[in-house]
Protein backbone atom coordinates (compact mmCIF):
# COMPACT_ATOMS: atom_id res chain seq x y z
CA MET A 1 146.88 56.40 100.48
CA THR A 2 143.63 56.34 98.53
CA VAL A 3 140.59 54.09 98.85
CA LEU A 4 138.84 53.23 95.56
CA VAL A 5 135.17 52.31 95.91
CA ALA A 6 133.43 50.74 92.92
CA TYR A 7 129.84 51.99 92.75
CA ASP A 8 127.09 51.07 90.27
CA GLY A 9 124.03 52.31 92.10
CA SER A 10 123.02 48.86 93.41
CA ALA A 11 122.04 48.13 97.00
CA ASP A 12 125.26 46.14 97.47
CA ALA A 13 127.35 49.07 96.24
CA ARG A 14 125.55 51.36 98.73
CA THR A 15 126.33 48.87 101.50
CA ALA A 16 130.01 48.85 100.46
CA ILE A 17 130.24 52.64 100.71
CA GLU A 18 128.50 52.69 104.09
CA PHE A 19 130.81 49.93 105.38
CA ALA A 20 133.90 51.76 104.15
CA ALA A 21 132.80 54.99 105.85
CA LYS A 22 132.11 53.19 109.12
CA HIS A 23 135.27 51.08 109.30
CA LEU A 24 138.05 52.85 107.42
CA SER A 25 140.04 55.83 108.55
CA ALA A 26 139.63 59.16 106.82
CA GLU A 27 141.62 58.37 103.69
CA PRO A 28 141.08 60.16 100.40
CA THR A 29 138.35 58.21 98.61
CA VAL A 30 137.58 57.91 94.90
CA VAL A 31 134.11 56.63 94.01
CA LEU A 32 134.30 54.96 90.59
CA THR A 33 131.49 54.02 88.24
CA VAL A 34 132.43 52.10 85.10
CA TRP A 35 130.12 51.95 82.10
CA GLU A 36 130.44 49.94 78.92
CA PRO A 37 130.23 51.91 75.66
CA LEU A 38 127.87 50.53 73.04
CA LEU A 39 130.71 49.29 70.80
CA VAL A 40 132.19 47.28 73.68
CA GLN A 41 128.78 45.72 74.36
CA LEU A 42 128.33 44.87 70.67
CA ARG A 43 131.78 43.30 70.51
CA ARG A 44 131.11 41.22 73.64
CA TYR A 45 127.51 40.26 72.82
CA PRO A 46 127.21 40.22 68.99
CA LEU A 47 123.97 38.22 69.01
CA ALA A 48 122.31 40.97 71.06
CA ALA A 49 123.17 43.67 68.50
CA ALA A 50 119.67 43.71 67.05
CA ALA A 51 118.13 44.36 70.48
CA ILE A 52 120.47 47.23 71.46
CA ASP A 53 119.21 50.74 70.79
CA PRO A 54 122.10 52.83 69.35
CA ASP A 55 120.86 55.91 71.22
CA THR A 56 121.54 54.29 74.61
CA GLY A 57 125.26 55.16 74.51
CA ASP A 58 124.82 58.76 75.62
CA GLU A 59 122.23 57.70 78.18
CA ALA A 60 124.62 55.11 79.64
CA GLU A 61 127.37 57.69 80.00
CA ALA A 62 125.00 60.17 81.66
CA GLN A 63 123.68 57.47 83.99
CA ALA A 64 127.24 56.43 84.94
CA GLU A 65 128.09 60.05 85.75
CA GLN A 66 124.93 60.30 87.88
CA HIS A 67 125.75 57.05 89.72
CA ALA A 68 129.30 58.24 90.44
CA ARG A 69 128.03 61.57 91.79
CA GLU A 70 125.36 59.76 93.87
CA GLY A 71 128.03 57.43 95.29
CA ALA A 72 130.23 60.37 96.27
CA GLU A 73 127.30 62.10 97.97
CA LEU A 74 126.52 58.88 99.86
CA ALA A 75 130.16 58.55 100.91
CA ILE A 76 130.18 62.11 102.27
CA ALA A 77 126.82 61.60 104.02
CA SER A 78 128.22 58.38 105.55
CA GLY A 79 131.17 60.21 107.07
CA LEU A 80 133.98 60.19 104.52
CA ALA A 81 135.46 63.66 104.03
CA ASP A 82 137.95 63.73 101.15
CA VAL A 83 135.79 62.25 98.37
CA SER A 84 136.01 62.59 94.60
CA TYR A 85 134.24 60.64 91.89
CA ARG A 86 134.84 59.41 88.37
CA ALA A 87 132.77 57.79 85.64
CA VAL A 88 134.97 55.84 83.25
CA ALA A 89 134.17 53.96 80.05
CA GLY A 90 135.37 50.37 80.25
CA ASN A 91 136.99 49.46 76.94
CA GLU A 92 137.59 45.81 77.83
CA SER A 93 135.59 44.86 80.90
CA ILE A 94 134.26 46.54 84.00
CA TRP A 95 136.49 44.58 86.38
CA LYS A 96 139.64 45.35 84.37
CA THR A 97 138.79 49.05 84.32
CA ILE A 98 138.38 49.01 88.12
CA VAL A 99 141.79 47.34 88.49
CA ASP A 100 143.39 49.78 86.02
CA VAL A 101 141.97 52.85 87.79
CA ALA A 102 143.11 51.43 91.15
CA ASP A 103 146.61 51.18 89.70
CA GLU A 104 146.36 54.69 88.25
CA VAL A 105 145.39 56.29 91.58
CA ASP A 106 147.68 53.91 93.50
CA ALA A 107 144.78 52.82 95.70
CA SER A 108 145.75 51.29 99.01
CA LEU A 109 142.44 49.40 99.01
CA ILE A 110 139.66 48.56 96.55
CA VAL A 111 136.16 48.30 98.06
CA THR A 112 133.27 46.74 96.16
CA GLY A 113 129.92 45.14 96.86
CA SER A 114 129.54 41.43 96.26
CA ARG A 115 126.87 41.80 93.58
CA GLY A 116 126.01 44.66 91.30
CA LEU A 117 123.31 45.57 88.85
CA ALA A 118 124.33 42.88 86.36
CA GLY A 119 122.77 40.05 88.43
CA ALA A 120 121.85 37.43 85.80
CA ARG A 121 124.74 38.28 83.52
CA SER A 122 127.23 37.91 86.38
CA VAL A 123 125.99 34.38 87.02
CA LEU A 124 126.97 33.48 83.44
CA LEU A 125 130.19 35.48 83.19
CA GLY A 126 131.42 35.63 86.78
CA SER A 127 131.01 38.56 89.10
CA VAL A 128 132.94 41.79 88.77
CA SER A 129 134.01 41.62 92.43
CA ASN A 130 135.39 38.09 91.96
CA HIS A 131 137.47 39.18 88.97
CA VAL A 132 138.73 42.29 90.79
CA LEU A 133 139.72 40.14 93.78
CA HIS A 134 141.70 37.73 91.61
CA HIS A 135 143.35 40.27 89.30
CA ALA A 136 144.10 43.29 91.48
CA HIS A 137 147.57 43.38 92.97
CA ARG A 138 146.42 45.27 96.04
CA PRO A 139 144.12 44.62 98.98
CA THR A 140 140.48 44.22 98.00
CA LEU A 141 137.49 44.30 100.33
CA ILE A 142 134.28 42.70 99.08
CA VAL A 143 131.36 43.75 101.26
CA PRO A 144 128.47 41.26 101.44
CA PRO A 145 124.87 42.40 101.10
CA ALA A 146 123.29 44.06 104.10
CA GLU A 147 121.23 41.67 106.14
CA THR A 148 117.54 42.27 106.02
CA PRO A 149 116.10 42.53 109.52
CA ARG A 150 114.51 39.28 110.61
CA GLN A 151 111.33 39.21 112.53
CA ALA A 152 111.99 38.26 116.13
CA ARG A 153 110.69 34.85 117.07
CA PRO A 154 109.52 34.12 120.58
CA ILE A 155 111.86 31.94 122.59
CA LYS A 156 110.25 28.73 123.74
CA ALA A 157 110.95 27.67 127.26
């Protein structure tokens, strides 16, 4: 059985990896980062074509590879032992690529944070984690953001 953890470098993705390491048994884990190639972005957002720098494609791939490696290192540091990582180009959508890779590795569980780096865009298009939850045919764990510590208030008697 394999655990697939979606990781995009966001604070919520970090929280998801730390939660998985703390609460799941020592299963083989694949940390997955999905990036959208420039042509996919242009097809999805044609009005933004003028604002997209054509040289960002190689940078996006390199950044995805770095995020995947960073996620694997975090998973190992958090206590997971059998960890590998992948950076995959999403040819349709990020959520669909996560579901497809989960099917490919026959993941027993998909773990993802509740929000990623696409903040404003996810409000308009729906979150990746929500789409994964509704389209994956396997258990999916969506880890909420870590709570920020609250300042203790004195108790009034």
